[in-house]
N, C-alpha and C. Protein backbone atom coordinates (compact mmCIF):
# COMPACT_ATOMS: atom_id res chain seq x y z
N UNK A 1 0.72 31.97 -13.30
CA UNK A 1 -0.24 30.70 -13.36
C UNK A 1 0.79 29.62 -12.96
N UNK A 2 2.15 29.75 -13.18
CA UNK A 2 2.96 28.77 -13.12
C UNK A 2 3.00 28.52 -11.35
N UNK A 3 2.93 29.62 -10.90
CA UNK A 3 2.99 29.76 -9.36
C UNK A 3 1.90 28.84 -8.85
N UNK A 4 0.81 28.67 -9.27
CA UNK A 4 -0.39 27.61 -8.71
C UNK A 4 0.10 26.26 -8.61
N UNK A 5 0.95 26.25 -9.50
CA UNK A 5 1.20 24.66 -9.67
C UNK A 5 2.60 24.21 -8.81
N UNK A 6 3.35 25.50 -8.33
CA UNK A 6 4.68 25.16 -7.50
C UNK A 6 4.61 25.69 -5.85
N UNK A 7 3.79 26.66 -5.71
CA UNK A 7 3.31 27.21 -4.33
C UNK A 7 3.22 26.38 -3.24
N UNK A 8 2.31 25.20 -3.69
CA UNK A 8 1.94 24.40 -2.53
C UNK A 8 3.27 23.35 -2.09
N UNK A 9 3.49 23.01 -3.37
CA UNK A 9 4.69 21.93 -3.14
C UNK A 9 5.96 22.31 -2.47
N UNK A 10 6.06 23.65 -2.94
CA UNK A 10 7.41 24.25 -2.42
C UNK A 10 7.24 24.70 -0.95
N UNK A 11 5.77 24.89 -0.33
CA UNK A 11 5.47 24.99 0.91
C UNK A 11 5.62 23.72 1.97
N UNK A 12 5.81 22.55 1.34
CA UNK A 12 5.84 21.19 2.11
C UNK A 12 7.41 20.78 1.82
N UNK A 13 8.28 21.44 1.02
CA UNK A 13 9.50 20.98 0.77
C UNK A 13 9.58 20.05 -0.49
N UNK A 14 8.83 20.32 -1.57
CA UNK A 14 9.15 19.48 -2.65
C UNK A 14 8.84 20.16 -3.74
N UNK A 15 9.67 19.72 -4.87
CA UNK A 15 9.23 20.09 -6.36
C UNK A 15 7.89 19.57 -6.70
N UNK A 16 7.49 20.48 -7.88
CA UNK A 16 6.22 20.02 -8.28
C UNK A 16 6.28 18.15 -8.45
N UNK A 17 7.19 17.71 -9.26
CA UNK A 17 7.22 16.19 -9.80
C UNK A 17 7.58 15.46 -8.35
N UNK A 18 7.98 16.01 -7.42
CA UNK A 18 8.02 15.39 -6.14
C UNK A 18 6.95 15.08 -5.32
N UNK A 19 6.23 16.22 -5.51
CA UNK A 19 4.85 16.00 -4.83
C UNK A 19 3.83 15.29 -5.66
N UNK A 20 3.98 15.48 -6.92
CA UNK A 20 3.13 14.42 -7.82
C UNK A 20 3.18 12.92 -7.51
N UNK A 21 4.47 12.82 -6.98
CA UNK A 21 4.88 11.43 -7.17
C UNK A 21 4.32 10.93 -5.54
N UNK A 22 4.70 11.86 -4.75
CA UNK A 22 3.89 11.42 -3.29
C UNK A 22 2.46 11.48 -3.36
N UNK A 23 1.99 12.24 -4.14
CA UNK A 23 0.33 12.33 -4.10
C UNK A 23 -0.06 10.88 -4.73
N UNK A 24 0.50 10.74 -5.70
CA UNK A 24 0.25 8.97 -6.67
C UNK A 24 0.20 7.98 -5.48
N UNK A 25 1.71 7.95 -4.97
CA UNK A 25 1.91 7.24 -4.06
C UNK A 25 0.57 6.89 -2.92
N UNK A 26 0.55 7.98 -2.36
CA UNK A 26 -0.85 8.15 -1.47
C UNK A 26 -1.91 7.60 -2.05
N UNK A 27 -2.14 7.94 -3.12
CA UNK A 27 -3.53 7.35 -3.92
C UNK A 27 -3.57 6.07 -4.27
N UNK A 28 -2.49 5.46 -4.26
CA UNK A 28 -2.43 3.93 -4.83
C UNK A 28 -2.51 3.35 -3.23
N UNK A 29 -1.90 3.79 -2.32
CA UNK A 29 -1.95 2.98 -1.24
C UNK A 29 -3.24 3.17 -0.58
N UNK A 30 -3.99 4.24 -0.66
CA UNK A 30 -5.56 4.65 -0.42
C UNK A 30 -6.65 3.50 -1.36
N UNK A 31 -6.23 3.25 -2.57
CA UNK A 31 -7.08 2.78 -3.44
C UNK A 31 -7.03 1.04 -2.96
N UNK A 32 -5.72 0.68 -2.70
CA UNK A 32 -5.54 -0.77 -2.11
C UNK A 32 -6.18 -0.80 -0.97
N UNK A 33 -6.12 -0.02 0.02
CA UNK A 33 -6.83 -0.23 1.25
C UNK A 33 -8.26 -0.05 1.22
N UNK A 34 -8.73 0.55 0.24
CA UNK A 34 -10.24 0.87 -0.27
C UNK A 34 -10.54 -0.74 -0.71
N UNK A 35 -10.03 -1.10 -1.63
CA UNK A 35 -10.72 -2.95 -2.24
C UNK A 35 -10.23 -3.66 -0.98
N UNK A 36 -9.27 -3.43 -0.16
CA UNK A 36 -9.41 -4.72 1.15
C UNK A 36 -10.17 -4.56 2.01
N UNK A 37 -10.58 -3.01 2.10
CA UNK A 37 -11.60 -2.98 3.30
C UNK A 37 -13.06 -3.14 2.45
N UNK A 38 -13.45 -3.02 1.30
CA UNK A 38 -14.58 -3.62 0.71
C UNK A 38 -14.71 -5.13 0.75
N UNK A 39 -13.75 -5.73 0.23
CA UNK A 39 -13.56 -7.23 0.42
C UNK A 39 -13.78 -7.76 1.75
N UNK A 40 -13.01 -6.99 2.96
CA UNK A 40 -13.35 -7.27 4.19
C UNK A 40 -14.56 -7.34 4.44
N UNK A 41 -15.50 -6.26 4.00
CA UNK A 41 -17.37 -6.06 4.11
C UNK A 41 -17.81 -7.23 3.90
N UNK A 42 -17.18 -7.73 2.70
CA UNK A 42 -18.18 -9.25 2.13
C UNK A 42 -17.74 -10.26 2.72
N UNK A 43 -16.09 -10.44 3.01
CA UNK A 43 -15.54 -11.69 3.66
C UNK A 43 -14.92 -11.34 5.05
N UNK A 44 -15.68 -11.08 5.91
CA UNK A 44 -15.08 -10.47 7.18
C UNK A 44 -14.02 -11.24 7.78
N UNK A 45 -13.78 -12.46 7.29
CA UNK A 45 -12.48 -13.18 7.92
C UNK A 45 -11.15 -12.90 6.88
N UNK A 46 -11.54 -12.02 6.01
CA UNK A 46 -10.40 -11.80 5.13
C UNK A 46 -9.80 -10.38 5.24
N UNK A 47 -8.46 -9.94 5.11
CA UNK A 47 -8.07 -8.41 5.45
C UNK A 47 -8.54 -7.74 6.57
N UNK A 48 -8.36 -8.23 7.48
CA UNK A 48 -8.89 -7.84 8.82
C UNK A 48 -7.78 -6.97 9.30
N UNK A 49 -6.84 -6.68 8.95
CA UNK A 49 -6.02 -5.47 9.61
C UNK A 49 -5.40 -4.55 8.18
N UNK A 50 -5.60 -5.03 6.90
CA UNK A 50 -5.05 -4.37 5.72
C UNK A 50 -5.39 -2.98 5.69
N UNK A 51 -6.49 -2.84 5.71
CA UNK A 51 -7.09 -1.20 5.78
C UNK A 51 -6.44 -0.31 6.95
N UNK A 52 -6.36 -0.55 8.31
CA UNK A 52 -6.05 -0.16 9.27
C UNK A 52 -4.47 0.15 9.17
N UNK A 53 -3.91 -0.94 8.70
CA UNK A 53 -2.27 -1.08 8.69
C UNK A 53 -1.78 0.07 7.54
N UNK A 54 -2.45 0.19 6.55
CA UNK A 54 -2.30 1.27 5.55
C UNK A 54 -2.51 2.62 5.91
N UNK A 55 -3.73 2.90 6.61
CA UNK A 55 -3.91 4.13 7.42
C UNK A 55 -2.60 4.71 8.07
N UNK A 56 -2.28 3.63 8.95
CA UNK A 56 -1.14 3.99 10.03
C UNK A 56 0.29 4.38 9.24
N UNK A 57 0.39 3.48 8.22
CA UNK A 57 1.63 3.56 7.43
C UNK A 57 1.51 5.10 6.71
N UNK A 58 0.41 5.53 5.95
CA UNK A 58 0.11 6.58 5.52
C UNK A 58 0.36 8.01 6.09
N UNK A 59 0.00 7.88 7.58
CA UNK A 59 -0.11 8.69 8.65
C UNK A 59 1.52 8.89 9.00
N UNK A 60 2.33 7.89 9.14
CA UNK A 60 3.76 8.01 9.23
C UNK A 60 4.29 8.59 8.19
N UNK A 61 4.18 8.33 6.73
CA UNK A 61 4.59 9.01 6.11
C UNK A 61 4.28 10.18 5.70
N UNK A 62 2.84 10.77 6.08
CA UNK A 62 2.36 12.33 5.71
C UNK A 62 2.71 13.17 6.87
N UNK A 63 2.53 12.83 8.11
CA UNK A 63 2.55 13.55 9.46
C UNK A 63 4.07 13.69 10.22
N UNK A 64 4.37 12.15 10.58
CA UNK A 64 5.34 12.07 11.59
C UNK A 64 6.54 12.14 11.09
N UNK A 65 6.80 11.79 9.62
CA UNK A 65 8.21 12.14 9.30
C UNK A 65 8.41 13.04 8.41
N UNK A 66 7.65 14.26 8.46
CA UNK A 66 7.81 15.60 7.80
C UNK A 66 8.84 16.06 8.27
N UNK A 67 9.68 16.79 7.22
CA UNK A 67 10.73 17.88 7.38
C UNK A 67 10.41 18.67 8.54
N UNK A 68 11.15 19.23 9.38
CA UNK A 68 11.03 20.01 10.39
C UNK A 68 10.34 21.64 10.06
N UNK A 69 10.59 21.80 8.75
CA UNK A 69 10.19 23.11 8.45
C UNK A 69 8.74 23.14 7.70
N UNK A 70 8.12 21.98 7.74
CA UNK A 70 6.90 21.62 7.40
C UNK A 70 5.71 22.09 8.43
N UNK A 71 4.73 22.66 8.19
CA UNK A 71 3.62 22.90 8.99
C UNK A 71 2.87 21.71 9.43
N UNK A 72 2.48 21.66 10.75
CA UNK A 72 1.34 20.37 11.06
C UNK A 72 -0.13 20.87 10.64
N UNK A 73 -0.65 19.94 10.40
CA UNK A 73 -2.18 20.05 9.85
C UNK A 73 -3.05 20.81 10.95
N UNK A 74 -3.94 21.64 10.38
CA UNK A 74 -4.70 22.40 11.59
C UNK A 74 -6.19 21.71 11.75
N UNK A 75 -6.32 20.99 13.01
CA UNK A 75 -7.52 20.41 12.93
C UNK A 75 -9.06 20.99 12.28
N UNK A 76 -8.79 22.24 12.74
CA UNK A 76 -10.03 23.09 12.42
C UNK A 76 -10.29 23.88 11.02
N UNK A 77 -9.12 23.34 10.21
CA UNK A 77 -8.85 24.00 8.79
C UNK A 77 -9.18 22.95 7.80
N UNK A 78 -10.45 23.09 6.97
CA UNK A 78 -11.13 22.00 6.01
C UNK A 78 -10.06 21.76 4.93
N UNK A 79 -9.50 22.81 4.65
CA UNK A 79 -8.38 22.60 3.70
C UNK A 79 -7.23 22.13 3.97
N UNK A 80 -6.69 22.52 5.47
CA UNK A 80 -5.50 22.06 5.97
C UNK A 80 -5.37 20.47 5.66
N UNK A 81 -6.73 19.71 5.89
CA UNK A 81 -6.82 18.31 5.96
C UNK A 81 -6.03 17.71 4.16
N UNK A 82 -6.65 18.60 3.36
CA UNK A 82 -5.99 18.02 2.12
C UNK A 82 -4.74 18.71 1.57
N UNK A 83 -4.14 19.48 2.18
CA UNK A 83 -2.88 20.32 2.27
C UNK A 83 -1.66 19.64 2.03
N UNK A 84 -1.58 18.46 2.76
CA UNK A 84 -0.37 17.73 2.56
C UNK A 84 -0.54 16.79 1.58
N UNK A 85 -1.10 16.58 0.83
CA UNK A 85 -1.31 15.35 -0.03
C UNK A 85 -0.43 15.76 -1.25
């Protein structure tokens, strides 16, 4: 049972708690971005680049700054898209 909690984090070079922290950080960034996008929908003059800026920053953190041993996400694999969170 313990392996279910540690296998994926280990596959991306993190401990369970490191992985939890990264996932919470991504979630917080996404939540702020979602609020900015919703407000931009109501007020088009506000938050014009906030959502896209956060998406780019998350991409850099999640994909381009990964350690070399970590696998790249497979585009065709549905599970792979969420495998790096």
